[in-house]
Amino acid sequence: MVTNKSYDEIQTIVIENIKKYRKAKYISQEKLGELSNLHRTYIGAVERKEKNITLKALTQIANALNIKLVDFLK
């Protein structure tokens, strides 16, 4: 069972990994938005925890960064 606390922990892990992989590839939020076909403001809002990321958006980001989806959960 996923509790609110564990959901928050999972969200934090995913967001930190998005930032980590994006920065490791020297990609700006704007460029990641272009590569993933998402708006740059959405990328920023997700990274600031202002918006919850959808599975579809996470898949688009994973594809844009050439990262396996599961790697965002590690």
PDB file of N, CA and C in Angstrom:
ATOM      1  N   MET A   1       0.837  -1.175   0.000  1.00  0.00           N
ATOM      2  CA  MET A   1       0.000   0.000   0.000  1.00  0.00           C
ATOM      3  C   MET A   1       0.889   1.247   0.000  1.00  0.00           C
ATOM      4  N   VAL A   2       0.507   2.224  -0.794  1.00  0.00           N
ATOM      5  CA  VAL A   2       1.257   3.475  -0.878  1.00  0.00           C
ATOM      6  C   VAL A   2       0.549   4.516  -0.018  1.00  0.00           C
ATOM      7  N   THR A   3       1.245   5.028   0.968  1.00  0.00           N
ATOM      8  CA  THR A   3       0.695   6.075   1.822  1.00  0.00           C
ATOM      9  C   THR A   3       1.085   7.433   1.269  1.00  0.00           C
ATOM     10  N   ASN A   4       0.512   8.486   1.818  1.00  0.00           N
ATOM     11  CA  ASN A   4       0.884   9.829   1.378  1.00  0.00           C
ATOM     12  C   ASN A   4       2.362  10.079   1.588  1.00  0.00           C
ATOM     13  N   LYS A   5       2.901   9.586   2.718  1.00  0.00           N
ATOM     14  CA  LYS A   5       4.317   9.788   2.988  1.00  0.00           C
ATOM     15  C   LYS A   5       5.170   9.064   1.947  1.00  0.00           C
ATOM     16  N   SER A   6       4.838   7.820   1.664  1.00  0.00           N
ATOM     17  CA  SER A   6       5.645   7.083   0.687  1.00  0.00           C
ATOM     18  C   SER A   6       5.473   7.676  -0.714  1.00  0.00           C
ATOM     19  N   TYR A   7       4.270   8.189  -1.034  1.00  0.00           N
ATOM     20  CA  TYR A   7       4.088   8.856  -2.328  1.00  0.00           C
ATOM     21  C   TYR A   7       5.012  10.059  -2.425  1.00  0.00           C
ATOM     22  N   ASP A   8       5.075  10.860  -1.353  1.00  0.00           N
ATOM     23  CA  ASP A   8       5.954  12.027  -1.346  1.00  0.00           C
ATOM     24  C   ASP A   8       7.416  11.616  -1.510  1.00  0.00           C
ATOM     25  N   GLU A   9       7.800  10.521  -0.879  1.00  0.00           N
ATOM     26  CA  GLU A   9       9.172  10.030  -0.999  1.00  0.00           C
ATOM     27  C   GLU A   9       9.473   9.589  -2.429  1.00  0.00           C
ATOM     28  N   ILE A  10       8.543   8.890  -3.040  1.00  0.00           N
ATOM     29  CA  ILE A  10       8.711   8.441  -4.427  1.00  0.00           C
ATOM     30  C   ILE A  10       8.783   9.650  -5.351  1.00  0.00           C
ATOM     31  N   GLN A  11       7.908  10.623  -5.142  1.00  0.00           N
ATOM     32  CA  GLN A  11       7.909  11.829  -5.964  1.00  0.00           C
ATOM     33  C   GLN A  11       9.257  12.544  -5.856  1.00  0.00           C
ATOM     34  N   THR A  12       9.784  12.647  -4.652  1.00  0.00           N
ATOM     35  CA  THR A  12      11.075  13.309  -4.440  1.00  0.00           C
ATOM     36  C   THR A  12      12.191  12.565  -5.160  1.00  0.00           C
ATOM     37  N   ILE A  13      12.195  11.253  -5.079  1.00  0.00           N
ATOM     38  CA  ILE A  13      13.213  10.450  -5.761  1.00  0.00           C
ATOM     39  C   ILE A  13      13.137  10.671  -7.270  1.00  0.00           C
ATOM     40  N   VAL A  14      11.938  10.616  -7.823  1.00  0.00           N
ATOM     41  CA  VAL A  14      11.759  10.794  -9.268  1.00  0.00           C
ATOM     42  C   VAL A  14      12.232  12.184  -9.692  1.00  0.00           C
ATOM     43  N   ILE A  15      11.826  13.200  -8.961  1.00  0.00           N
ATOM     44  CA  ILE A  15      12.194  14.574  -9.316  1.00  0.00           C
ATOM     45  C   ILE A  15      13.703  14.780  -9.219  1.00  0.00           C
ATOM     46  N   GLU A  16      14.308  14.282  -8.162  1.00  0.00           N
ATOM     47  CA  GLU A  16      15.760  14.424  -8.012  1.00  0.00           C
ATOM     48  C   GLU A  16      16.493  13.706  -9.144  1.00  0.00           C
ATOM     49  N   ASN A  17      15.963  12.580  -9.570  1.00  0.00           N
ATOM     50  CA  ASN A  17      16.593  11.853 -10.678  1.00  0.00           C
ATOM     51  C   ASN A  17      16.399  12.569 -12.010  1.00  0.00           C
ATOM     52  N   ILE A  18      15.256  13.184 -12.213  1.00  0.00           N
ATOM     53  CA  ILE A  18      15.060  13.974 -13.430  1.00  0.00           C
ATOM     54  C   ILE A  18      16.122  15.067 -13.480  1.00  0.00           C
ATOM     55  N   LYS A  19      16.267  15.795 -12.390  1.00  0.00           N
ATOM     56  CA  LYS A  19      17.272  16.866 -12.329  1.00  0.00           C
ATOM     57  C   LYS A  19      18.676  16.316 -12.545  1.00  0.00           C
ATOM     58  N   LYS A  20      18.982  15.210 -11.866  1.00  0.00           N
ATOM     59  CA  LYS A  20      20.323  14.624 -11.954  1.00  0.00           C
ATOM     60  C   LYS A  20      20.667  14.239 -13.392  1.00  0.00           C
ATOM     61  N   TYR A  21      19.768  13.516 -14.050  1.00  0.00           N
ATOM     62  CA  TYR A  21      20.042  13.080 -15.423  1.00  0.00           C
ATOM     63  C   TYR A  21      20.058  14.256 -16.392  1.00  0.00           C
ATOM     64  N   ARG A  22      19.169  15.224 -16.181  1.00  0.00           N
ATOM     65  CA  ARG A  22      19.135  16.401 -17.050  1.00  0.00           C
ATOM     66  C   ARG A  22      20.437  17.185 -16.941  1.00  0.00           C
ATOM     67  N   LYS A  23      20.877  17.417 -15.709  1.00  0.00           N
ATOM     68  CA  LYS A  23      22.103  18.187 -15.494  1.00  0.00           C
ATOM     69  C   LYS A  23      23.338  17.411 -15.939  1.00  0.00           C
ATOM     70  N   ALA A  24      23.347  16.101 -15.777  1.00  0.00           N
ATOM     71  CA  ALA A  24      24.481  15.279 -16.208  1.00  0.00           C
ATOM     72  C   ALA A  24      24.680  15.353 -17.717  1.00  0.00           C
ATOM     73  N   LYS A  25      23.585  15.595 -18.432  1.00  0.00           N
ATOM     74  CA  LYS A  25      23.661  15.717 -19.890  1.00  0.00           C
ATOM     75  C   LYS A  25      23.741  17.173 -20.335  1.00  0.00           C
ATOM     76  N   TYR A  26      23.893  18.074 -19.355  1.00  0.00           N
ATOM     77  CA  TYR A  26      24.003  19.519 -19.635  1.00  0.00           C
ATOM     78  C   TYR A  26      22.833  20.028 -20.464  1.00  0.00           C
ATOM     79  N   ILE A  27      21.635  19.617 -20.066  1.00  0.00           N
ATOM     80  CA  ILE A  27      20.420  20.016 -20.766  1.00  0.00           C
ATOM     81  C   ILE A  27      19.629  20.963 -19.864  1.00  0.00           C
ATOM     82  N   SER A  28      19.218  22.089 -20.404  1.00  0.00           N
ATOM     83  CA  SER A  28      18.392  23.036 -19.656  1.00  0.00           C
ATOM     84  C   SER A  28      16.961  22.515 -19.575  1.00  0.00           C
ATOM     85  N   GLN A  29      16.185  23.112 -18.691  1.00  0.00           N
ATOM     86  CA  GLN A  29      14.769  22.764 -18.618  1.00  0.00           C
ATOM     87  C   GLN A  29      14.080  23.061 -19.946  1.00  0.00           C
ATOM     88  N   GLU A  30      14.465  24.157 -20.560  1.00  0.00           N
ATOM     89  CA  GLU A  30      13.874  24.527 -21.846  1.00  0.00           C
ATOM     90  C   GLU A  30      14.186  23.477 -22.918  1.00  0.00           C
ATOM     91  N   LYS A  31      15.440  23.061 -22.985  1.00  0.00           N
ATOM     92  CA  LYS A  31      15.839  22.049 -23.974  1.00  0.00           C
ATOM     93  C   LYS A  31      15.149  20.718 -23.695  1.00  0.00           C
ATOM     94  N   LEU A  32      15.054  20.343 -22.415  1.00  0.00           N
ATOM     95  CA  LEU A  32      14.357  19.099 -22.075  1.00  0.00           C
ATOM     96  C   LEU A  32      12.900  19.181 -22.502  1.00  0.00           C
ATOM     97  N   GLY A  33      12.295  20.338 -22.331  1.00  0.00           N
ATOM     98  CA  GLY A  33      10.924  20.529 -22.798  1.00  0.00           C
ATOM     99  C   GLY A  33      10.802  20.293 -24.292  1.00  0.00           C
ATOM    100  N   GLU A  34      11.739  20.839 -25.041  1.00  0.00           N
ATOM    101  CA  GLU A  34      11.741  20.648 -26.503  1.00  0.00           C
ATOM    102  C   GLU A  34      11.914  19.173 -26.856  1.00  0.00           C
ATOM    103  N   LEU A  35      12.896  18.525 -26.225  1.00  0.00           N
ATOM    104  CA  LEU A  35      13.199  17.130 -26.534  1.00  0.00           C
ATOM    105  C   LEU A  35      12.075  16.172 -26.155  1.00  0.00           C
ATOM    106  N   SER A  36      11.354  16.528 -25.089  1.00  0.00           N
ATOM    107  CA  SER A  36      10.297  15.639 -24.599  1.00  0.00           C
ATOM    108  C   SER A  36       8.904  16.048 -25.074  1.00  0.00           C
ATOM    109  N   ASN A  37       8.838  17.125 -25.851  1.00  0.00           N
ATOM    110  CA  ASN A  37       7.563  17.646 -26.348  1.00  0.00           C
ATOM    111  C   ASN A  37       6.649  18.072 -25.199  1.00  0.00           C
ATOM    112  N   LEU A  38       7.285  18.636 -24.155  1.00  0.00           N
ATOM    113  CA  LEU A  38       6.562  19.189 -23.014  1.00  0.00           C
ATOM    114  C   LEU A  38       6.958  20.663 -22.888  1.00  0.00           C
ATOM    115  N   HIS A  39       6.111  21.468 -22.300  1.00  0.00           N
ATOM    116  CA  HIS A  39       6.430  22.878 -22.161  1.00  0.00           C
ATOM    117  C   HIS A  39       7.492  23.073 -21.086  1.00  0.00           C
ATOM    118  N   ARG A  40       8.396  24.002 -21.308  1.00  0.00           N
ATOM    119  CA  ARG A  40       9.486  24.246 -20.359  1.00  0.00           C
ATOM    120  C   ARG A  40       8.976  24.630 -18.983  1.00  0.00           C
ATOM    121  N   THR A  41       7.837  25.326 -18.947  1.00  0.00           N
ATOM    122  CA  THR A  41       7.294  25.701 -17.641  1.00  0.00           C
ATOM    123  C   THR A  41       6.767  24.482 -16.886  1.00  0.00           C
ATOM    124  N   TYR A  42       6.314  23.468 -17.625  1.00  0.00           N
ATOM    125  CA  TYR A  42       5.875  22.219 -16.988  1.00  0.00           C
ATOM    126  C   TYR A  42       7.075  21.513 -16.364  1.00  0.00           C
ATOM    127  N   ILE A  43       8.176  21.463 -17.084  1.00  0.00           N
ATOM    128  CA  ILE A  43       9.396  20.837 -16.560  1.00  0.00           C
ATOM    129  C   ILE A  43       9.817  21.534 -15.265  1.00  0.00           C
ATOM    130  N   GLY A  44       9.840  22.846 -15.284  1.00  0.00           N
ATOM    131  CA  GLY A  44      10.219  23.616 -14.098  1.00  0.00           C
ATOM    132  C   GLY A  44       9.262  23.383 -12.940  1.00  0.00           C
ATOM    133  N   ALA A  45       7.971  23.363 -13.223  1.00  0.00           N
ATOM    134  CA  ALA A  45       6.972  23.156 -12.168  1.00  0.00           C
ATOM    135  C   ALA A  45       7.098  21.765 -11.559  1.00  0.00           C
ATOM    136  N   VAL A  46       7.388  20.777 -12.379  1.00  0.00           N
ATOM    137  CA  VAL A  46       7.599  19.421 -11.869  1.00  0.00           C
ATOM    138  C   VAL A  46       8.840  19.390 -10.977  1.00  0.00           C
ATOM    139  N   GLU A  47       9.923  19.989 -11.435  1.00  0.00           N
ATOM    140  CA  GLU A  47      11.162  19.978 -10.654  1.00  0.00           C
ATOM    141  C   GLU A  47      11.025  20.751  -9.344  1.00  0.00           C
ATOM    142  N   ARG A  48      10.107  21.695  -9.274  1.00  0.00           N
ATOM    143  CA  ARG A  48       9.875  22.458  -8.042  1.00  0.00           C
ATOM    144  C   ARG A  48       8.753  21.842  -7.203  1.00  0.00           C
ATOM    145  N   LYS A  49       8.222  20.705  -7.638  1.00  0.00           N
ATOM    146  CA  LYS A  49       7.109  19.999  -6.977  1.00  0.00           C
ATOM    147  C   LYS A  49       5.824  20.822  -6.959  1.00  0.00           C
ATOM    148  N   GLU A  50       5.662  21.679  -7.923  1.00  0.00           N
ATOM    149  CA  GLU A  50       4.428  22.463  -8.036  1.00  0.00           C
ATOM    150  C   GLU A  50       3.363  21.695  -8.817  1.00  0.00           C
ATOM    151  N   LYS A  51       3.809  20.751  -9.632  1.00  0.00           N
ATOM    152  CA  LYS A  51       2.900  19.906 -10.408  1.00  0.00           C
ATOM    153  C   LYS A  51       3.312  18.459 -10.219  1.00  0.00           C
ATOM    154  N   ASN A  52       2.322  17.582 -10.181  1.00  0.00           N
ATOM    155  CA  ASN A  52       2.602  16.157 -10.147  1.00  0.00           C
ATOM    156  C   ASN A  52       2.855  15.681 -11.565  1.00  0.00           C
ATOM    157  N   ILE A  53       3.907  14.927 -11.736  1.00  0.00           N
ATOM    158  CA  ILE A  53       4.238  14.438 -13.077  1.00  0.00           C
ATOM    159  C   ILE A  53       3.348  13.246 -13.418  1.00  0.00           C
ATOM    160  N   THR A  54       2.915  13.197 -14.648  1.00  0.00           N
ATOM    161  CA  THR A  54       2.127  12.054 -15.108  1.00  0.00           C
ATOM    162  C   THR A  54       3.075  10.975 -15.613  1.00  0.00           C
ATOM    163  N   LEU A  55       2.578   9.775 -15.679  1.00  0.00           N
ATOM    164  CA  LEU A  55       3.381   8.674 -16.209  1.00  0.00           C
ATOM    165  C   LEU A  55       3.726   8.926 -17.672  1.00  0.00           C
ATOM    166  N   LYS A  56       2.797   9.495 -18.400  1.00  0.00           N
ATOM    167  CA  LYS A  56       3.048   9.819 -19.814  1.00  0.00           C
ATOM    168  C   LYS A  56       4.184  10.828 -19.930  1.00  0.00           C
ATOM    169  N   ALA A  57       4.154  11.890 -19.116  1.00  0.00           N
ATOM    170  CA  ALA A  57       5.207  12.901 -19.164  1.00  0.00           C
ATOM    171  C   ALA A  57       6.548  12.315 -18.729  1.00  0.00           C
ATOM    172  N   LEU A  58       6.528  11.460 -17.704  1.00  0.00           N
ATOM    173  CA  LEU A  58       7.768  10.835 -17.251  1.00  0.00           C
ATOM    174  C   LEU A  58       8.353   9.956 -18.352  1.00  0.00           C
ATOM    175  N   THR A  59       7.507   9.274 -19.086  1.00  0.00           N
ATOM    176  CA  THR A  59       7.957   8.456 -20.213  1.00  0.00           C
ATOM    177  C   THR A  59       8.575   9.332 -21.299  1.00  0.00           C
ATOM    178  N   GLN A  60       7.952  10.464 -21.578  1.00  0.00           N
ATOM    179  CA  GLN A  60       8.487  11.386 -22.584  1.00  0.00           C
ATOM    180  C   GLN A  60       9.857  11.927 -22.149  1.00  0.00           C
ATOM    181  N   ILE A  61       9.996  12.234 -20.869  1.00  0.00           N
ATOM    182  CA  ILE A  61      11.275  12.732 -20.348  1.00  0.00           C
ATOM    183  C   ILE A  61      12.326  11.628 -20.399  1.00  0.00           C
ATOM    184  N   ALA A  62      11.948  10.423 -20.020  1.00  0.00           N
ATOM    185  CA  ALA A  62      12.882   9.295 -20.075  1.00  0.00           C
ATOM    186  C   ALA A  62      13.382   9.085 -21.499  1.00  0.00           C
ATOM    187  N   ASN A  63      12.493   9.133 -22.453  1.00  0.00           N
ATOM    188  CA  ASN A  63      12.881   8.968 -23.854  1.00  0.00           C
ATOM    189  C   ASN A  63      13.798  10.102 -24.306  1.00  0.00           C
ATOM    190  N   ALA A  64      13.473  11.324 -23.893  1.00  0.00           N
ATOM    191  CA  ALA A  64      14.275  12.487 -24.284  1.00  0.00           C
ATOM    192  C   ALA A  64      15.689  12.401 -23.708  1.00  0.00           C
ATOM    193  N   LEU A  65      15.809  11.855 -22.497  1.00  0.00           N
ATOM    194  CA  LEU A  65      17.114  11.739 -21.845  1.00  0.00           C
ATOM    195  C   LEU A  65      17.805  10.410 -22.148  1.00  0.00           C
ATOM    196  N   ASN A  66      17.110   9.535 -22.877  1.00  0.00           N
ATOM    197  CA  ASN A  66      17.624   8.206 -23.201  1.00  0.00           C
ATOM    198  C   ASN A  66      17.932   7.422 -21.916  1.00  0.00           C
ATOM    199  N   ILE A  67      16.976   7.462 -20.992  1.00  0.00           N
ATOM    200  CA  ILE A  67      17.092   6.803 -19.701  1.00  0.00           C
ATOM    201  C   ILE A  67      15.933   5.809 -19.582  1.00  0.00           C
ATOM    202  N   LYS A  68      16.179   4.659 -18.977  1.00  0.00           N
ATOM    203  CA  LYS A  68      15.097   3.717 -18.720  1.00  0.00           C
ATOM    204  C   LYS A  68      14.166   4.313 -17.676  1.00  0.00           C
ATOM    205  N   LEU A  69      12.873   4.124 -17.873  1.00  0.00           N
ATOM    206  CA  LEU A  69      11.876   4.671 -16.958  1.00  0.00           C
ATOM    207  C   LEU A  69      12.141   4.223 -15.522  1.00  0.00           C
ATOM    208  N   VAL A  70      12.501   2.991 -15.340  1.00  0.00           N
ATOM    209  CA  VAL A  70      12.748   2.453 -14.002  1.00  0.00           C
ATOM    210  C   VAL A  70      13.915   3.150 -13.297  1.00  0.00           C
ATOM    211  N   ASP A  71      14.848   3.710 -14.060  1.00  0.00           N
ATOM    212  CA  ASP A  71      15.999   4.383 -13.449  1.00  0.00           C
ATOM    213  C   ASP A  71      15.599   5.635 -12.671  1.00  0.00           C
ATOM    214  N   PHE A  72      14.441   6.192 -12.951  1.00  0.00           N
ATOM    215  CA  PHE A  72      13.970   7.356 -12.208  1.00  0.00           C
ATOM    216  C   PHE A  72      13.536   6.990 -10.791  1.00  0.00           C
ATOM    217  N   LEU A  73      13.324   5.704 -10.541  1.00  0.00           N
ATOM    218  CA  LEU A  73      12.873   5.258  -9.224  1.00  0.00           C
ATOM    219  C   LEU A  73      14.002   4.773  -8.319  1.00  0.00           C
ATOM    220  N   LYS A  74      15.199   4.757  -8.843  1.00  0.00           N
ATOM    221  CA  LYS A  74      16.350   4.266  -8.065  1.00  0.00           C
ATOM    222  C   LYS A  74      16.958   5.347  -7.240  1.00  0.00           C
TER     223      LYS A  74
END
